[in-house]
Amino acid sequence: MQPDRQFVVRALWIAVLLGIAAVIFVHTSEWGIGMSIFAGLFVGGLAIASTASKQSASRAAKLAFGAALALALLLSWRSAPELRFLNGLTMCLFLALGTLHFRSPSLAKIPLLDVTGNLVVEWTRWIEGGCRLIGQDTRRTVDREAPAHQTGGAVARGVFVSLPLVLVFGGLLFSADASFERLVRGAFDFDMPSVGVASAVFMVALVLVAGILRRTLVASPLAKANPYIGPPLVLAERYHSPYHEPGLPKLGALEVCIVLGTLSAMFLTFVVLQLPYLFGGSHHIATTANLSVANYARRGFFELVAVVALAIPTLITLFAMVREVNTVTRRIMAGLACVLVALLGVVLASAAQRMGLYIDLYGLSRLRVYVAAAMVWMALVLGWFASTTLRSRPERFAFGAAVGFTLVLLG
């Protein structure tokens, strides 16, 4: 059963607010008190959503939530680490039981193995439900609105897709180069690992809460019994539409352009900082304070290779997920992608320069030969991607990439 628009909007608001609460009370606050407050907010958010959906929890679920809140109060009072852990674990168990058996009349008659198995399996269903609510249900809701709302929803989805990519690639570039690290620290003045952990806590809480709300409050259709047992009845093709295998979820052109533009801006900043090292050579490195040629060659090489290695499948996936667009829009996307491919080429050149300096200092080894061969193949793949996929010939990309890998392997 598909949720209606009001439920989707309400559930997203509750999930976002509880995600922020998870960052504030679980990640940055003292664990005992913060966990107690978050448990109370979770039960309150579920109660608000169920009341607005005109659904009420069963007596068994209310007892489970009451026990969880009582344990939450004890959790803020206890001081022994062992008791806090057991108290918190039991509280989470009762919260999960109340959510899992939201409509069950009694928990006493459910076998223990069924409860344990359902708790293990339900985690995956919560994650699936959260992803469906954030992606599929939100898109369906936005598609029913006016074009202005469609644009706003596309921008929101583009930012949502760009955020984890910026965190991953930005973290690698942050670790790869001291100049980029100083720029980021000076611009934002925060601890990147802490921001990454806080973002992960927010995303996990957002998806789980959205999935719990969808699984708990959206009724699943009951399967109708079919008395006929035998070979399936196949109708002629004119009576039914042909079956299509489910594929990747689709993105609009605006979402893809936002992702490409965001990544291009970040890589452009990094490339501008790398130009003095690329053209200045070892002389510029030697005149830079607190930087030796060995440290420059050693730091960030594998991070830069990882950036290019991850960016290639990211580009392929983005263009595989984009919906059919007109020629002008596709040219705009191809232009942004060409800029990103060129910037990735500079990043790969920076990694190659560091590899060359490292070989001059410490000589050639088997591992360095393998890495150099992988860099050559990635350069070929980037060029071939620009020549095929960005020119509306994606069906030729896989074969050419395989041929390039074979040539590098033979060479």
Protein backbone atom coordinates (compact mmCIF):
# COMPACT_ATOMS: atom_id res chain seq x y z
CA MET A 1 0.00 0.00 0.00
CA GLN A 2 1.33 3.42 -0.95
CA PRO A 3 1.28 6.16 1.73
CA ASP A 4 -0.62 9.36 1.02
CA ARG A 5 0.96 12.78 0.64
CA GLN A 6 0.17 14.00 4.16
CA PHE A 7 1.76 10.95 5.73
CA VAL A 8 4.92 11.27 3.62
CA VAL A 9 5.40 14.95 4.52
CA ARG A 10 4.64 14.35 8.21
CA ALA A 11 6.93 11.31 8.42
CA LEU A 12 9.80 13.15 6.72
CA TRP A 13 9.50 16.06 9.15
CA ILE A 14 9.51 13.73 12.15
CA ALA A 15 12.45 11.75 10.75
CA VAL A 16 14.50 14.90 10.08
CA LEU A 17 13.78 16.32 13.55
CA LEU A 18 14.65 13.02 15.24
CA GLY A 19 17.82 12.82 13.13
CA ILE A 20 18.86 16.24 14.43
CA ALA A 21 17.91 15.13 17.95
CA ALA A 22 20.12 12.03 17.54
CA VAL A 23 23.10 14.24 16.69
CA ILE A 24 22.43 16.56 19.64
CA PHE A 25 21.50 14.07 22.35
CA VAL A 26 23.21 10.83 21.27
CA HIS A 27 26.37 11.99 19.49
CA THR A 28 27.40 15.18 21.31
CA SER A 29 25.75 14.81 24.74
CA GLU A 30 26.51 12.51 27.65
CA TRP A 31 25.39 9.07 26.58
CA GLY A 32 23.07 8.23 29.50
CA ILE A 33 21.04 11.44 29.68
CA GLY A 34 21.12 12.04 25.92
CA MET A 35 19.92 8.51 25.15
CA SER A 36 17.06 8.91 27.63
CA ILE A 37 15.92 12.16 26.03
CA PHE A 38 16.14 10.69 22.54
CA ALA A 39 14.07 7.64 23.58
CA GLY A 40 11.36 9.95 24.90
CA LEU A 41 11.41 12.01 21.70
CA PHE A 42 11.20 8.86 19.58
CA VAL A 43 8.13 7.58 21.43
CA GLY A 44 6.59 11.06 21.23
CA GLY A 45 7.22 11.32 17.50
CA LEU A 46 5.71 7.87 16.91
CA ALA A 47 2.67 8.85 19.00
CA ILE A 48 2.19 12.08 17.02
CA ALA A 49 2.48 10.24 13.70
CA SER A 50 0.06 7.47 14.77
CA THR A 51 -2.49 9.98 16.11
CA ALA A 52 -2.36 12.03 12.91
CA SER A 53 -2.78 8.81 10.89
CA LYS A 54 -5.79 7.86 13.08
CA GLN A 55 -4.11 4.67 14.25
CA SER A 56 -3.60 3.61 17.83
CA ALA A 57 -1.00 1.34 19.32
CA SER A 58 -2.07 -1.95 20.83
CA ARG A 59 -2.02 -2.51 24.57
CA ALA A 60 1.09 -4.67 24.23
CA ALA A 61 2.93 -1.93 22.32
CA LYS A 62 1.95 0.68 24.92
CA LEU A 63 3.30 -1.55 27.69
CA ALA A 64 6.56 -2.03 25.77
CA PHE A 65 6.96 1.72 25.20
CA GLY A 66 6.15 2.40 28.86
CA ALA A 67 8.82 -0.04 29.98
CA ALA A 68 11.29 1.60 27.57
CA LEU A 69 10.56 5.06 29.02
CA ALA A 70 10.97 3.75 32.57
CA LEU A 71 14.31 2.24 31.61
CA ALA A 72 15.25 5.55 29.96
CA LEU A 73 14.75 7.34 33.29
CA LEU A 74 16.88 4.73 35.04
CA LEU A 75 19.55 5.10 32.36
CA SER A 76 20.03 8.80 33.18
CA TRP A 77 20.32 7.95 36.88
CA ARG A 78 22.80 5.03 36.76
CA SER A 79 26.53 5.68 36.95
CA ALA A 80 28.12 2.21 36.58
CA PRO A 81 29.16 1.61 32.95
CA GLU A 82 28.06 -2.03 33.02
CA LEU A 83 24.59 -1.19 34.32
CA ARG A 84 24.28 1.64 31.79
CA PHE A 85 25.08 -0.73 28.97
CA LEU A 86 22.59 -3.38 30.10
CA ASN A 87 19.98 -0.72 30.83
CA GLY A 88 20.43 0.89 27.41
CA LEU A 89 20.36 -2.46 25.63
CA THR A 90 17.12 -3.46 27.37
CA MET A 91 15.58 -0.06 26.61
CA CYS A 92 16.38 -0.42 22.90
CA LEU A 93 14.93 -3.95 22.98
CA PHE A 94 11.60 -2.72 24.38
CA LEU A 95 11.49 0.13 21.87
CA ALA A 96 12.04 -2.37 19.07
CA LEU A 97 9.39 -4.73 20.46
CA GLY A 98 6.85 -1.93 20.74
CA THR A 99 7.55 -0.83 17.20
CA LEU A 100 7.63 -4.34 15.75
CA HIS A 101 4.34 -5.40 17.40
CA PHE A 102 2.56 -2.07 17.15
CA ARG A 103 -0.77 -3.79 16.38
CA SER A 104 -0.22 -7.11 18.17
CA PRO A 105 -2.72 -7.71 20.98
CA SER A 106 -0.23 -9.49 23.23
CA LEU A 107 3.50 -10.16 23.40
CA ALA A 108 3.19 -13.07 25.82
CA LYS A 109 1.82 -15.48 23.22
CA ILE A 110 4.52 -14.84 20.62
CA PRO A 111 7.23 -17.55 20.56
CA LEU A 112 10.71 -16.42 21.56
CA LEU A 113 12.28 -17.62 18.31
CA ASP A 114 9.73 -15.63 16.29
CA VAL A 115 10.49 -12.48 18.29
CA THR A 116 14.24 -12.93 17.85
CA GLY A 117 13.97 -13.69 14.14
CA ASN A 118 11.63 -10.77 13.51
CA LEU A 119 13.96 -8.37 15.32
CA VAL A 120 16.89 -9.48 13.17
CA VAL A 121 14.97 -9.36 9.88
CA GLU A 122 13.08 -6.16 10.66
CA TRP A 123 16.26 -4.05 10.69
CA THR A 124 16.69 -4.63 6.97
CA ARG A 125 12.98 -3.86 6.38
CA TRP A 126 13.26 -0.60 8.33
CA ILE A 127 16.22 0.45 6.22
CA GLU A 128 14.38 -0.54 3.03
CA GLY A 129 11.24 1.30 4.15
CA GLY A 130 13.24 4.42 5.03
CA CYS A 131 14.93 4.47 1.64
CA ARG A 132 11.55 4.02 -0.09
CA LEU A 133 9.96 6.82 1.92
CA ILE A 134 12.84 9.23 1.29
CA GLY A 135 13.20 8.30 -2.37
CA GLN A 136 10.23 6.69 -4.11
CA ASP A 137 7.40 8.04 -1.93
CA THR A 138 8.87 11.55 -1.84
CA ARG A 139 9.26 11.59 -5.62
CA ARG A 140 5.68 10.40 -6.09
CA THR A 141 4.46 13.11 -3.73
CA VAL A 142 6.47 15.82 -5.45
CA ASP A 143 5.30 14.72 -8.90
CA ARG A 144 1.72 15.51 -7.88
CA GLU A 145 2.57 19.08 -6.94
CA ALA A 146 3.02 22.19 -9.06
CA PRO A 147 6.17 22.66 -11.18
CA ALA A 148 7.65 25.04 -8.58
CA HIS A 149 7.39 22.34 -5.96
CA GLN A 150 8.87 19.85 -8.41
CA THR A 151 11.91 22.10 -8.82
CA GLY A 152 12.26 22.47 -5.07
CA GLY A 153 12.04 18.72 -4.63
CA ALA A 154 14.64 18.13 -7.37
CA VAL A 155 17.01 20.59 -5.69
CA ALA A 156 16.50 18.86 -2.35
CA ARG A 157 17.19 15.45 -3.89
CA GLY A 158 20.29 16.79 -5.64
CA VAL A 159 21.64 18.16 -2.36
CA PHE A 160 20.74 14.90 -0.62
CA VAL A 161 22.69 12.86 -3.19
CA SER A 162 25.62 15.33 -3.22
CA LEU A 163 26.11 15.39 0.55
CA PRO A 164 27.57 11.87 1.05
CA LEU A 165 29.70 12.23 -2.09
CA VAL A 166 31.14 15.53 -0.83
CA LEU A 167 31.89 13.96 2.55
CA VAL A 168 33.65 10.95 1.00
CA PHE A 169 35.67 12.80 -1.66
CA GLY A 170 36.27 15.80 0.59
CA GLY A 171 37.60 13.56 3.33
CA LEU A 172 40.02 11.88 0.92
CA LEU A 173 41.25 15.22 -0.46
CA PHE A 174 41.47 16.57 3.09
CA SER A 175 43.81 13.70 3.99
CA ALA A 176 45.73 13.91 0.73
CA ASP A 177 47.05 17.46 0.76
CA ALA A 178 48.18 19.83 3.51
CA SER A 179 47.16 22.94 1.56
CA PHE A 180 43.62 21.68 1.09
CA GLU A 181 43.48 20.69 4.76
CA ARG A 182 44.52 24.19 5.85
CA LEU A 183 41.97 25.75 3.50
CA VAL A 184 39.14 23.62 4.87
CA ARG A 185 40.16 24.16 8.48
CA GLY A 186 40.45 27.89 7.91
CA ALA A 187 37.13 28.15 6.12
CA PHE A 188 35.05 26.04 8.47
CA ASP A 189 37.22 25.66 11.57
CA PHE A 190 35.79 22.29 12.59
CA ASP A 191 37.02 18.78 13.06
CA MET A 192 36.31 16.82 9.88
CA PRO A 193 36.11 13.38 11.56
CA SER A 194 33.57 14.71 14.08
CA VAL A 195 31.48 16.21 11.28
CA GLY A 196 31.64 12.92 9.39
CA VAL A 197 30.49 10.94 12.44
CA ALA A 198 27.70 13.45 13.14
CA SER A 199 26.54 13.23 9.52
CA ALA A 200 26.55 9.44 9.70
CA VAL A 201 24.50 9.52 12.93
CA PHE A 202 21.99 11.87 11.30
CA MET A 203 21.65 9.76 8.16
CA VAL A 204 21.25 6.49 10.09
CA ALA A 205 18.62 8.02 12.41
CA LEU A 206 16.81 9.62 9.45
CA VAL A 207 16.57 6.38 7.48
CA LEU A 208 15.66 4.21 10.48
CA VAL A 209 12.96 6.54 11.81
CA ALA A 210 11.47 6.99 8.33
CA GLY A 211 11.49 3.23 7.83
CA ILE A 212 9.93 2.56 11.24
CA LEU A 213 7.14 5.05 10.59
CA ARG A 214 6.44 3.60 7.15
CA ARG A 215 6.51 -0.03 8.27
CA THR A 216 4.46 0.65 11.41
CA LEU A 217 1.76 3.03 10.19
CA VAL A 218 1.30 2.09 6.53
CA ALA A 219 -0.80 -1.03 6.26
CA SER A 220 0.52 -3.77 4.02
CA PRO A 221 -1.96 -5.29 1.59
CA LEU A 222 -3.09 -8.79 2.51
CA ALA A 223 -2.32 -11.46 -0.04
CA LYS A 224 -5.46 -13.05 -1.47
CA ALA A 225 -5.62 -16.79 -1.46
CA ASN A 226 -5.59 -18.39 -4.88
CA PRO A 227 -7.46 -21.72 -4.92
CA TYR A 228 -6.09 -22.68 -8.32
CA ILE A 229 -2.85 -24.65 -8.16
CA GLY A 230 -1.25 -25.45 -11.44
CA PRO A 231 0.72 -23.91 -14.30
CA PRO A 232 0.31 -20.16 -14.59
CA LEU A 233 -2.14 -18.77 -17.11
CA VAL A 234 -0.34 -16.72 -19.77
CA LEU A 235 -2.40 -14.22 -21.72
CA ALA A 236 -1.66 -13.06 -25.21
CA GLU A 237 0.64 -10.05 -25.46
CA ARG A 238 -2.17 -7.73 -26.55
CA TYR A 239 -3.90 -8.24 -23.16
CA HIS A 240 -1.03 -7.16 -20.95
CA SER A 241 1.99 -4.88 -21.05
CA PRO A 242 5.37 -6.58 -21.40
CA TYR A 243 7.31 -7.26 -18.20
CA HIS A 244 10.33 -5.10 -17.55
CA GLU A 245 13.09 -5.98 -15.12
CA PRO A 246 13.38 -3.45 -12.27
CA GLY A 247 16.38 -1.20 -12.77
CA LEU A 248 18.14 1.62 -11.00
CA PRO A 249 16.04 4.45 -9.56
CA LYS A 250 15.93 7.41 -11.91
CA LEU A 251 17.19 10.95 -11.32
CA GLY A 252 16.20 14.08 -13.14
CA ALA A 253 18.59 16.30 -15.06
CA LEU A 254 18.55 18.98 -12.34
CA GLU A 255 19.60 16.51 -9.64
CA VAL A 256 22.47 15.19 -11.77
CA CYS A 257 23.62 18.73 -12.64
CA ILE A 258 23.65 19.68 -8.95
CA VAL A 259 25.80 16.65 -8.13
CA LEU A 260 28.19 17.29 -11.02
CA GLY A 261 28.45 21.01 -10.23
CA THR A 262 29.11 20.41 -6.53
CA LEU A 263 31.84 17.85 -7.19
CA SER A 264 33.39 20.05 -9.89
CA ALA A 265 33.56 23.04 -7.52
CA MET A 266 35.28 20.95 -4.84
CA PHE A 267 37.77 19.38 -7.27
CA LEU A 268 38.47 22.78 -8.86
CA THR A 269 39.45 24.16 -5.46
CA PHE A 270 41.81 21.26 -4.94
CA VAL A 271 43.30 21.56 -8.43
CA VAL A 272 43.99 25.29 -8.02
CA LEU A 273 45.96 24.48 -4.87
CA GLN A 274 47.89 21.75 -6.72
CA LEU A 275 48.96 23.85 -9.73
CA PRO A 276 52.05 25.38 -8.03
CA TYR A 277 53.27 21.89 -7.12
CA LEU A 278 52.61 20.55 -10.62
CA PHE A 279 54.44 23.37 -12.44
CA GLY A 280 56.89 24.36 -9.72
CA GLY A 281 58.25 20.88 -9.24
CA SER A 282 60.61 19.95 -6.44
CA HIS A 283 61.88 23.56 -6.21
CA HIS A 284 58.45 24.80 -5.07
CA ILE A 285 58.16 21.88 -2.67
CA ALA A 286 61.58 22.63 -1.17
CA THR A 287 60.68 26.31 -0.62
CA THR A 288 57.39 25.43 1.11
CA ALA A 289 57.66 25.61 4.89
CA ASN A 290 57.46 22.33 6.83
CA LEU A 291 57.31 20.24 3.66
CA SER A 292 59.94 17.92 2.25
CA VAL A 293 59.92 16.14 -1.09
CA ALA A 294 59.58 12.77 0.65
CA ASN A 295 56.61 13.89 2.74
CA TYR A 296 54.91 15.45 -0.27
CA ALA A 297 55.40 12.29 -2.33
CA ARG A 298 54.27 10.00 0.47
CA ARG A 299 51.26 11.92 1.74
CA GLY A 300 48.03 11.58 -0.13
CA PHE A 301 49.14 9.43 -3.04
CA PHE A 302 46.81 6.55 -2.32
CA GLU A 303 44.02 8.97 -1.36
CA LEU A 304 44.25 10.67 -4.77
CA VAL A 305 44.20 7.31 -6.55
CA ALA A 306 41.17 6.33 -4.46
CA VAL A 307 39.43 9.59 -5.43
CA VAL A 308 39.74 8.81 -9.15
CA ALA A 309 38.90 5.14 -8.63
CA LEU A 310 35.66 6.08 -6.83
CA ALA A 311 34.78 8.96 -9.14
CA ILE A 312 34.69 6.75 -12.25
CA PRO A 313 31.87 4.43 -11.04
CA THR A 314 30.10 7.47 -9.57
CA LEU A 315 29.98 9.11 -13.00
CA ILE A 316 28.88 5.88 -14.67
CA THR A 317 26.08 5.39 -12.12
CA LEU A 318 24.86 8.99 -12.41
CA PHE A 319 24.49 8.77 -16.18
CA ALA A 320 22.86 5.33 -15.89
CA MET A 321 20.25 6.73 -13.47
CA VAL A 322 19.35 9.89 -15.41
CA ARG A 323 15.96 9.95 -17.11
CA GLU A 324 15.47 10.63 -20.79
CA VAL A 325 16.09 14.33 -21.49
CA ASN A 326 16.19 16.54 -24.54
CA THR A 327 19.33 17.29 -26.50
CA VAL A 328 20.07 20.67 -24.92
CA THR A 329 19.80 19.32 -21.38
CA ARG A 330 21.99 16.36 -22.21
CA ARG A 331 24.64 18.69 -23.63
CA ILE A 332 24.60 20.72 -20.43
CA MET A 333 25.09 17.57 -18.36
CA ALA A 334 27.81 16.38 -20.71
CA GLY A 335 29.58 19.74 -20.40
CA LEU A 336 29.56 19.58 -16.60
CA ALA A 337 30.77 16.00 -16.74
CA CYS A 338 33.58 16.98 -19.12
CA VAL A 339 34.72 19.62 -16.64
CA LEU A 340 34.70 17.01 -13.87
CA VAL A 341 36.61 14.51 -16.03
CA ALA A 342 39.25 17.15 -16.82
CA LEU A 343 39.64 17.96 -13.12
CA LEU A 344 39.95 14.26 -12.33
CA GLY A 345 42.69 14.11 -14.95
CA VAL A 346 44.58 16.82 -13.07
CA VAL A 347 44.09 14.92 -9.80
CA LEU A 348 45.45 11.80 -11.48
CA ALA A 349 48.40 13.84 -12.81
CA SER A 350 49.12 15.03 -9.27
CA ALA A 351 49.12 11.42 -8.09
CA ALA A 352 51.43 10.47 -10.98
CA GLN A 353 53.82 13.30 -10.05
CA ARG A 354 53.96 12.07 -6.46
CA MET A 355 54.59 8.55 -7.72
CA GLY A 356 57.45 9.83 -9.91
CA LEU A 357 59.06 11.67 -7.00
CA TYR A 358 58.66 8.63 -4.80
CA ILE A 359 60.32 6.39 -7.41
CA ASP A 360 63.22 8.87 -7.76
CA LEU A 361 63.76 8.78 -4.01
CA TYR A 362 63.21 5.10 -3.20
CA GLY A 363 63.38 3.26 -6.50
CA LEU A 364 60.91 1.01 -8.32
CA SER A 365 59.11 -1.90 -6.69
CA ARG A 366 56.51 -4.44 -7.78
CA LEU A 367 53.71 -2.67 -5.90
CA ARG A 368 54.58 0.70 -7.49
CA VAL A 369 54.52 -0.89 -10.94
CA TYR A 370 51.04 -2.29 -10.25
CA VAL A 371 49.79 1.06 -9.00
CA ALA A 372 51.28 2.89 -11.99
CA ALA A 373 49.58 0.43 -14.36
CA ALA A 374 46.26 1.00 -12.56
CA MET A 375 46.70 4.76 -12.98
CA VAL A 376 47.30 4.32 -16.72
CA TRP A 377 44.12 2.25 -17.00
CA MET A 378 42.10 4.85 -15.06
CA ALA A 379 43.35 7.56 -17.41
CA LEU A 380 42.24 5.46 -20.39
CA VAL A 381 38.84 4.85 -18.78
CA LEU A 382 38.31 8.57 -18.16
CA GLY A 383 39.12 9.39 -21.78
CA TRP A 384 36.95 6.58 -23.08
CA PHE A 385 34.05 7.66 -20.84
CA ALA A 386 34.24 11.16 -22.29
CA SER A 387 34.36 9.75 -25.82
CA THR A 388 31.42 7.35 -25.45
CA THR A 389 28.98 8.02 -22.61
CA LEU A 390 29.22 11.80 -22.79
CA ARG A 391 28.60 11.62 -26.55
CA SER A 392 25.42 9.54 -26.14
CA ARG A 393 27.11 6.24 -26.93
CA PRO A 394 27.17 4.50 -23.52
CA GLU A 395 26.78 1.02 -24.99
CA ARG A 396 30.41 1.17 -26.23
CA PHE A 397 31.93 2.06 -22.87
CA ALA A 398 32.13 -1.37 -21.20
CA PHE A 399 33.84 -3.08 -24.14
CA GLY A 400 36.41 -0.28 -24.56
CA ALA A 401 37.18 -0.28 -20.82
CA ALA A 402 37.72 -4.04 -20.93
CA VAL A 403 40.00 -3.70 -23.96
CA GLY A 404 42.00 -0.99 -22.19
CA PHE A 405 42.39 -3.21 -19.13
CA THR A 406 43.60 -6.05 -21.35
CA LEU A 407 46.14 -3.81 -23.06
CA VAL A 408 47.49 -2.50 -19.76
CA LEU A 409 47.68 -6.07 -18.43
CA LEU A 410 49.58 -7.23 -21.51
CA GLY A 411 51.89 -4.21 -21.39
